[in-house]
PDB file of N, CA and C in Angstrom:
ATOM      1  N   MET A   1     -70.069  11.958 -38.105  1.00  0.00           N
ATOM      2  CA  MET A   1     -68.884  12.633 -37.975  1.00  0.00           C
ATOM      3  C   MET A   1     -68.582  12.740 -36.592  1.00  0.00           C
ATOM      4  N   ASP A   2     -69.691  12.926 -35.778  1.00  0.00           N
ATOM      5  CA  ASP A   2     -69.529  13.085 -34.276  1.00  0.00           C
ATOM      6  C   ASP A   2     -68.939  11.711 -33.546  1.00  0.00           C
ATOM      7  N   VAL A   3     -69.241  10.468 -34.128  1.00  0.00           N
ATOM      8  CA  VAL A   3     -68.867   9.310 -33.822  1.00  0.00           C
ATOM      9  C   VAL A   3     -67.471   9.191 -33.929  1.00  0.00           C
ATOM     10  N   LEU A   4     -67.101   9.714 -35.292  1.00  0.00           N
ATOM     11  CA  LEU A   4     -65.550   9.596 -35.817  1.00  0.00           C
ATOM     12  C   LEU A   4     -64.636  10.648 -34.590  1.00  0.00           C
ATOM     13  N   VAL A   5     -65.219  11.410 -34.309  1.00  0.00           N
ATOM     14  CA  VAL A   5     -64.455  12.579 -33.489  1.00  0.00           C
ATOM     15  C   VAL A   5     -64.534  11.902 -32.199  1.00  0.00           C
ATOM     16  N   GLU A   6     -65.531  11.046 -31.499  1.00  0.00           N
ATOM     17  CA  GLU A   6     -65.335  10.490 -30.345  1.00  0.00           C
ATOM     18  C   GLU A   6     -64.640   9.372 -29.985  1.00  0.00           C
ATOM     19  N   LEU A   7     -64.440   8.504 -31.449  1.00  0.00           N
ATOM     20  CA  LEU A   7     -63.685   7.633 -31.743  1.00  0.00           C
ATOM     21  C   LEU A   7     -62.214   7.936 -31.574  1.00  0.00           C
ATOM     22  N   VAL A   8     -61.849   8.826 -32.238  1.00  0.00           N
ATOM     23  CA  VAL A   8     -60.664   9.554 -32.078  1.00  0.00           C
ATOM     24  C   VAL A   8     -60.116   9.877 -30.720  1.00  0.00           C
ATOM     25  N   ALA A   9     -61.094  10.760 -30.227  1.00  0.00           N
ATOM     26  CA  ALA A   9     -60.675  11.166 -28.643  1.00  0.00           C
ATOM     27  C   ALA A   9     -60.515  10.198 -27.814  1.00  0.00           C
ATOM     28  N   TYR A  10     -61.230   8.837 -27.695  1.00  0.00           N
ATOM     29  CA  TYR A  10     -60.953   7.629 -27.060  1.00  0.00           C
ATOM     30  C   TYR A  10     -59.874   7.256 -27.415  1.00  0.00           C
ATOM     31  N   LEU A  11     -59.628   7.071 -28.542  1.00  0.00           N
ATOM     32  CA  LEU A  11     -58.118   6.238 -28.817  1.00  0.00           C
ATOM     33  C   LEU A  11     -57.166   7.065 -28.398  1.00  0.00           C
ATOM     34  N   LEU A  12     -57.117   8.459 -28.422  1.00  0.00           N
ATOM     35  CA  LEU A  12     -56.038   9.182 -27.936  1.00  0.00           C
ATOM     36  C   LEU A  12     -55.835   9.099 -26.585  1.00  0.00           C
ATOM     37  N   LEU A  13     -56.755   9.341 -25.836  1.00  0.00           N
ATOM     38  CA  LEU A  13     -56.930   9.052 -24.472  1.00  0.00           C
ATOM     39  C   LEU A  13     -56.280   8.012 -23.922  1.00  0.00           C
ATOM     40  N   ALA A  14     -56.856   6.648 -24.563  1.00  0.00           N
ATOM     41  CA  ALA A  14     -56.344   5.481 -23.905  1.00  0.00           C
ATOM     42  C   ALA A  14     -54.920   5.282 -24.375  1.00  0.00           C
ATOM     43  N   VAL A  15     -54.344   5.619 -25.458  1.00  0.00           N
ATOM     44  CA  VAL A  15     -52.787   5.770 -25.711  1.00  0.00           C
ATOM     45  C   VAL A  15     -52.074   6.580 -24.582  1.00  0.00           C
ATOM     46  N   VAL A  16     -52.508   7.495 -24.533  1.00  0.00           N
ATOM     47  CA  VAL A  16     -51.809   8.731 -23.412  1.00  0.00           C
ATOM     48  C   VAL A  16     -51.900   7.788 -21.961  1.00  0.00           C
ATOM     49  N   ILE A  17     -52.943   7.490 -21.517  1.00  0.00           N
ATOM     50  CA  ILE A  17     -53.364   6.652 -20.189  1.00  0.00           C
ATOM     51  C   ILE A  17     -52.129   5.604 -20.308  1.00  0.00           C
ATOM     52  N   THR A  18     -52.400   4.802 -21.259  1.00  0.00           N
ATOM     53  CA  THR A  18     -51.537   3.522 -21.252  1.00  0.00           C
ATOM     54  C   THR A  18     -50.169   3.959 -21.192  1.00  0.00           C
ATOM     55  N   GLY A  19     -49.682   4.520 -21.882  1.00  0.00           N
ATOM     56  CA  GLY A  19     -48.250   5.185 -21.848  1.00  0.00           C
ATOM     57  C   GLY A  19     -47.799   5.718 -20.717  1.00  0.00           C
ATOM     58  N   LEU A  20     -48.635   6.422 -20.109  1.00  0.00           N
ATOM     59  CA  LEU A  20     -48.309   6.744 -18.470  1.00  0.00           C
ATOM     60  C   LEU A  20     -48.284   5.518 -17.653  1.00  0.00           C
ATOM     61  N   GLY A  21     -49.108   4.527 -17.703  1.00  0.00           N
ATOM     62  CA  GLY A  21     -48.875   3.326 -17.034  1.00  0.00           C
ATOM     63  C   GLY A  21     -47.674   2.569 -17.271  1.00  0.00           C
ATOM     64  N   LEU A  22     -47.216   2.657 -18.701  1.00  0.00           N
ATOM     65  CA  LEU A  22     -46.082   1.789 -18.750  1.00  0.00           C
ATOM     66  C   LEU A  22     -44.865   2.645 -18.301  1.00  0.00           C
ATOM     67  N   LEU A  23     -44.931   4.207 -18.487  1.00  0.00           N
ATOM     68  CA  LEU A  23     -43.779   4.679 -17.711  1.00  0.00           C
ATOM     69  C   LEU A  23     -43.705   4.620 -16.237  1.00  0.00           C
ATOM     70  N   ALA A  24     -44.860   4.482 -15.649  1.00  0.00           N
ATOM     71  CA  ALA A  24     -44.715   4.409 -14.204  1.00  0.00           C
ATOM     72  C   ALA A  24     -44.389   2.825 -13.814  1.00  0.00           C
ATOM     73  N   GLU A  25     -44.712   2.127 -14.528  1.00  0.00           N
ATOM     74  CA  GLU A  25     -44.208   0.332 -14.316  1.00  0.00           C
ATOM     75  C   GLU A  25     -42.407   0.356 -14.595  1.00  0.00           C
ATOM     76  N   LEU A  26     -42.061   1.191 -15.454  1.00  0.00           N
ATOM     77  CA  LEU A  26     -40.588   1.478 -15.606  1.00  0.00           C
ATOM     78  C   LEU A  26     -39.973   1.927 -14.927  1.00  0.00           C
ATOM     79  N   GLN A  27     -40.546   3.151 -14.141  1.00  0.00           N
ATOM     80  CA  GLN A  27     -40.044   3.920 -12.981  1.00  0.00           C
ATOM     81  C   GLN A  27     -40.078   3.111 -11.737  1.00  0.00           C
ATOM     82  N   SER A  28     -41.039   2.114 -11.833  1.00  0.00           N
ATOM     83  CA  SER A  28     -41.298   1.431 -10.753  1.00  0.00           C
ATOM     84  C   SER A  28     -39.917   0.519 -10.363  1.00  0.00           C
ATOM     85  N   LEU A  29     -39.758  -0.001 -11.586  1.00  0.00           N
ATOM     86  CA  LEU A  29     -38.758  -1.096 -11.556  1.00  0.00           C
ATOM     87  C   LEU A  29     -37.559  -0.385 -11.532  1.00  0.00           C
ATOM     88  N   SER A  30     -37.047   0.899 -11.727  1.00  0.00           N
ATOM     89  CA  SER A  30     -35.977   1.712 -11.407  1.00  0.00           C
ATOM     90  C   SER A  30     -35.831   1.701 -10.317  1.00  0.00           C
ATOM     91  N   TYR A  31     -36.762   2.291  -9.643  1.00  0.00           N
ATOM     92  CA  TYR A  31     -36.810   2.503  -7.842  1.00  0.00           C
ATOM     93  C   TYR A  31     -36.599   1.064  -7.287  1.00  0.00           C
ATOM     94  N   LEU A  32     -37.213   0.108  -7.702  1.00  0.00           N
ATOM     95  CA  LEU A  32     -36.777  -1.251  -7.011  1.00  0.00           C
ATOM     96  C   LEU A  32     -35.427  -1.442  -7.162  1.00  0.00           C
ATOM     97  N   LEU A  33     -34.864  -1.759  -8.017  1.00  0.00           N
ATOM     98  CA  LEU A  33     -33.491  -1.642  -8.233  1.00  0.00           C
ATOM     99  C   LEU A  33     -32.417  -0.989  -7.449  1.00  0.00           C
ATOM    100  N   SER A  34     -33.060   0.450  -7.475  1.00  0.00           N
ATOM    101  CA  SER A  34     -32.197   1.205  -6.557  1.00  0.00           C
ATOM    102  C   SER A  34     -32.287   1.163  -4.915  1.00  0.00           C
ATOM    103  N   GLY A  35     -33.176   0.207  -4.692  1.00  0.00           N
ATOM    104  CA  GLY A  35     -33.409  -0.099  -3.107  1.00  0.00           C
ATOM    105  C   GLY A  35     -34.612   0.776  -2.410  1.00  0.00           C
ATOM    106  N   GLU A  36     -35.445   1.424  -3.145  1.00  0.00           N
ATOM    107  CA  GLU A  36     -36.440   2.532  -2.926  1.00  0.00           C
ATOM    108  C   GLU A  36     -37.733   1.403  -3.032  1.00  0.00           C
ATOM    109  N   THR A  37     -37.991   0.676  -1.893  1.00  0.00           N
ATOM    110  CA  THR A  37     -39.037  -0.390  -2.106  1.00  0.00           C
ATOM    111  C   THR A  37     -40.619   0.552  -1.984  1.00  0.00           C
ATOM    112  N   MET A  38     -40.560   1.487  -1.011  1.00  0.00           N
ATOM    113  CA  MET A  38     -42.058   2.260  -1.018  1.00  0.00           C
ATOM    114  C   MET A  38     -42.253   2.981  -2.259  1.00  0.00           C
ATOM    115  N   ALA A  39     -41.463   3.677  -2.676  1.00  0.00           N
ATOM    116  CA  ALA A  39     -41.669   4.308  -3.957  1.00  0.00           C
ATOM    117  C   ALA A  39     -41.883   3.374  -5.166  1.00  0.00           C
ATOM    118  N   ALA A  40     -41.261   2.301  -5.293  1.00  0.00           N
ATOM    119  CA  ALA A  40     -41.420   1.272  -6.291  1.00  0.00           C
ATOM    120  C   ALA A  40     -42.882   0.677  -6.292  1.00  0.00           C
ATOM    121  N   LEU A  41     -43.396   0.660  -4.993  1.00  0.00           N
ATOM    122  CA  LEU A  41     -44.643  -0.285  -4.665  1.00  0.00           C
ATOM    123  C   LEU A  41     -45.705   0.673  -5.030  1.00  0.00           C
ATOM    124  N   TRP A  42     -45.699   2.123  -4.511  1.00  0.00           N
ATOM    125  CA  TRP A  42     -46.601   3.143  -4.805  1.00  0.00           C
ATOM    126  C   TRP A  42     -46.738   3.394  -6.440  1.00  0.00           C
ATOM    127  N   LEU A  43     -45.667   3.235  -7.038  1.00  0.00           N
ATOM    128  CA  LEU A  43     -45.239   3.596  -8.677  1.00  0.00           C
ATOM    129  C   LEU A  43     -45.902   2.374  -9.419  1.00  0.00           C
ATOM    130  N   ALA A  44     -45.615   1.053  -8.944  1.00  0.00           N
ATOM    131  CA  ALA A  44     -46.181  -0.104  -9.478  1.00  0.00           C
ATOM    132  C   ALA A  44     -47.791  -0.196  -9.499  1.00  0.00           C
ATOM    133  N   GLY A  45     -48.445   0.505  -8.164  1.00  0.00           N
ATOM    134  CA  GLY A  45     -49.518   0.725  -8.023  1.00  0.00           C
ATOM    135  C   GLY A  45     -50.242   1.529  -8.854  1.00  0.00           C
ATOM    136  N   MET A  46     -49.826   2.637  -9.286  1.00  0.00           N
ATOM    137  CA  MET A  46     -50.320   3.642 -10.156  1.00  0.00           C
ATOM    138  C   MET A  46     -50.021   3.404 -11.508  1.00  0.00           C
ATOM    139  N   GLY A  47     -49.217   2.662 -11.762  1.00  0.00           N
ATOM    140  CA  GLY A  47     -48.856   1.933 -13.082  1.00  0.00           C
ATOM    141  C   GLY A  47     -49.999   0.909 -13.547  1.00  0.00           C
ATOM    142  N   ILE A  48     -50.389   0.183 -12.451  1.00  0.00           N
ATOM    143  CA  ILE A  48     -51.388  -0.875 -12.763  1.00  0.00           C
ATOM    144  C   ILE A  48     -52.884  -0.055 -13.227  1.00  0.00           C
ATOM    145  N   LEU A  49     -52.984   0.941 -12.185  1.00  0.00           N
ATOM    146  CA  LEU A  49     -54.414   1.500 -12.257  1.00  0.00           C
ATOM    147  C   LEU A  49     -53.950   2.439 -13.581  1.00  0.00           C
ATOM    148  N   PHE A  50     -53.191   2.875 -14.175  1.00  0.00           N
ATOM    149  CA  PHE A  50     -53.249   3.517 -15.256  1.00  0.00           C
ATOM    150  C   PHE A  50     -53.332   2.762 -16.497  1.00  0.00           C
ATOM    151  N   LEU A  51     -52.763   1.556 -16.494  1.00  0.00           N
ATOM    152  CA  LEU A  51     -52.699   0.547 -17.524  1.00  0.00           C
ATOM    153  C   LEU A  51     -54.356  -0.033 -17.257  1.00  0.00           C
ATOM    154  N   TYR A  52     -54.964  -0.326 -15.976  1.00  0.00           N
ATOM    155  CA  TYR A  52     -56.355  -1.082 -16.212  1.00  0.00           C
ATOM    156  C   TYR A  52     -57.168   0.251 -16.766  1.00  0.00           C
ATOM    157  N   ALA A  53     -57.107   1.546 -16.588  1.00  0.00           N
ATOM    158  CA  ALA A  53     -58.106   2.698 -17.182  1.00  0.00           C
ATOM    159  C   ALA A  53     -57.707   2.799 -18.617  1.00  0.00           C
ATOM    160  N   GLY A  54     -56.393   2.878 -19.289  1.00  0.00           N
ATOM    161  CA  GLY A  54     -56.107   2.842 -20.642  1.00  0.00           C
ATOM    162  C   GLY A  54     -56.726   1.565 -21.483  1.00  0.00           C
ATOM    163  N   VAL A  55     -56.219   0.345 -20.961  1.00  0.00           N
ATOM    164  CA  VAL A  55     -56.481  -0.574 -21.550  1.00  0.00           C
ATOM    165  C   VAL A  55     -57.868  -1.318 -21.882  1.00  0.00           C
ATOM    166  N   TYR A  56     -58.304  -1.252 -20.297  1.00  0.00           N
ATOM    167  CA  TYR A  56     -59.754  -2.050 -20.395  1.00  0.00           C
ATOM    168  C   TYR A  56     -60.790  -0.766 -20.405  1.00  0.00           C
ATOM    169  N   MET A  57     -60.759   0.075 -19.448  1.00  0.00           N
ATOM    170  CA  MET A  57     -61.911   0.937 -19.253  1.00  0.00           C
ATOM    171  C   MET A  57     -61.930   1.850 -20.534  1.00  0.00           C
ATOM    172  N   LEU A  58     -61.031   2.263 -21.043  1.00  0.00           N
ATOM    173  CA  LEU A  58     -61.114   3.320 -22.360  1.00  0.00           C
ATOM    174  C   LEU A  58     -61.045   2.359 -23.567  1.00  0.00           C
ATOM    175  N   GLY A  59     -59.880   1.372 -23.562  1.00  0.00           N
ATOM    176  CA  GLY A  59     -60.037   0.476 -24.698  1.00  0.00           C
ATOM    177  C   GLY A  59     -61.221  -0.304 -25.136  1.00  0.00           C
ATOM    178  N   TYR A  60     -61.333  -1.152 -24.153  1.00  0.00           N
ATOM    179  CA  TYR A  60     -62.565  -2.192 -24.413  1.00  0.00           C
ATOM    180  C   TYR A  60     -63.556  -1.767 -23.888  1.00  0.00           C
ATOM    181  N   GLY A  61     -63.879  -0.928 -23.054  1.00  0.00           N
ATOM    182  CA  GLY A  61     -65.022  -0.331 -22.586  1.00  0.00           C
ATOM    183  C   GLY A  61     -65.548   0.836 -23.513  1.00  0.00           C
ATOM    184  N   LYS A  62     -64.984   1.554 -23.868  1.00  0.00           N
ATOM    185  CA  LYS A  62     -65.487   2.782 -24.587  1.00  0.00           C
ATOM    186  C   LYS A  62     -65.096   2.682 -26.068  1.00  0.00           C
ATOM    187  N   LEU A  63     -63.880   2.464 -26.369  1.00  0.00           N
ATOM    188  CA  LEU A  63     -63.309   2.445 -27.877  1.00  0.00           C
ATOM    189  C   LEU A  63     -63.979   1.439 -28.703  1.00  0.00           C
ATOM    190  N   MET A  64     -64.033   0.099 -28.199  1.00  0.00           N
ATOM    191  CA  MET A  64     -64.815  -1.025 -28.844  1.00  0.00           C
ATOM    192  C   MET A  64     -65.952  -0.820 -29.278  1.00  0.00           C
ATOM    193  N   PRO A  65     -66.677  -0.702 -28.354  1.00  0.00           N
ATOM    194  CA  PRO A  65     -68.126  -0.129 -28.783  1.00  0.00           C
ATOM    195  C   PRO A  65     -68.474   0.833 -29.789  1.00  0.00           C
ATOM    196  N   ALA A  66     -67.699   1.965 -29.752  1.00  0.00           N
ATOM    197  CA  ALA A  66     -67.674   2.931 -30.694  1.00  0.00           C
ATOM    198  C   ALA A  66     -67.174   2.626 -32.068  1.00  0.00           C
ATOM    199  N   VAL A  67     -65.887   1.593 -32.191  1.00  0.00           N
ATOM    200  CA  VAL A  67     -65.562   1.112 -33.268  1.00  0.00           C
ATOM    201  C   VAL A  67     -66.778   0.160 -34.147  1.00  0.00           C
ATOM    202  N   ARG A  68     -67.370  -0.712 -32.997  1.00  0.00           N
ATOM    203  CA  ARG A  68     -68.639  -1.703 -33.621  1.00  0.00           C
ATOM    204  C   ARG A  68     -69.685  -0.679 -34.234  1.00  0.00           C
ATOM    205  N   GLN A  69     -69.802   0.485 -33.891  1.00  0.00           N
ATOM    206  CA  GLN A  69     -71.028   1.328 -34.352  1.00  0.00           C
ATOM    207  C   GLN A  69     -70.769   1.687 -35.977  1.00  0.00           C
ATOM    208  N   LEU A  70     -69.488   1.799 -36.032  1.00  0.00           N
ATOM    209  CA  LEU A  70     -69.074   2.219 -37.412  1.00  0.00           C
ATOM    210  C   LEU A  70     -69.400   1.315 -38.269  1.00  0.00           C
TER     211      LEU A  70
END
């Protein structure tokens, strides 16, 4: 039961962080098209960081080993 709770927690956290990364990337594109280059670059960097954390660190690093244990 504890493994299942851990699996669901990692899944939810990975989805939320990945979603934040996607939103940051979309907002970055919006700022870039409006001419605000510095804000666009900052948001692009944050988006990449969130996508890395959500997809790779949580999804591949934590979630996949937990799924394999089931």
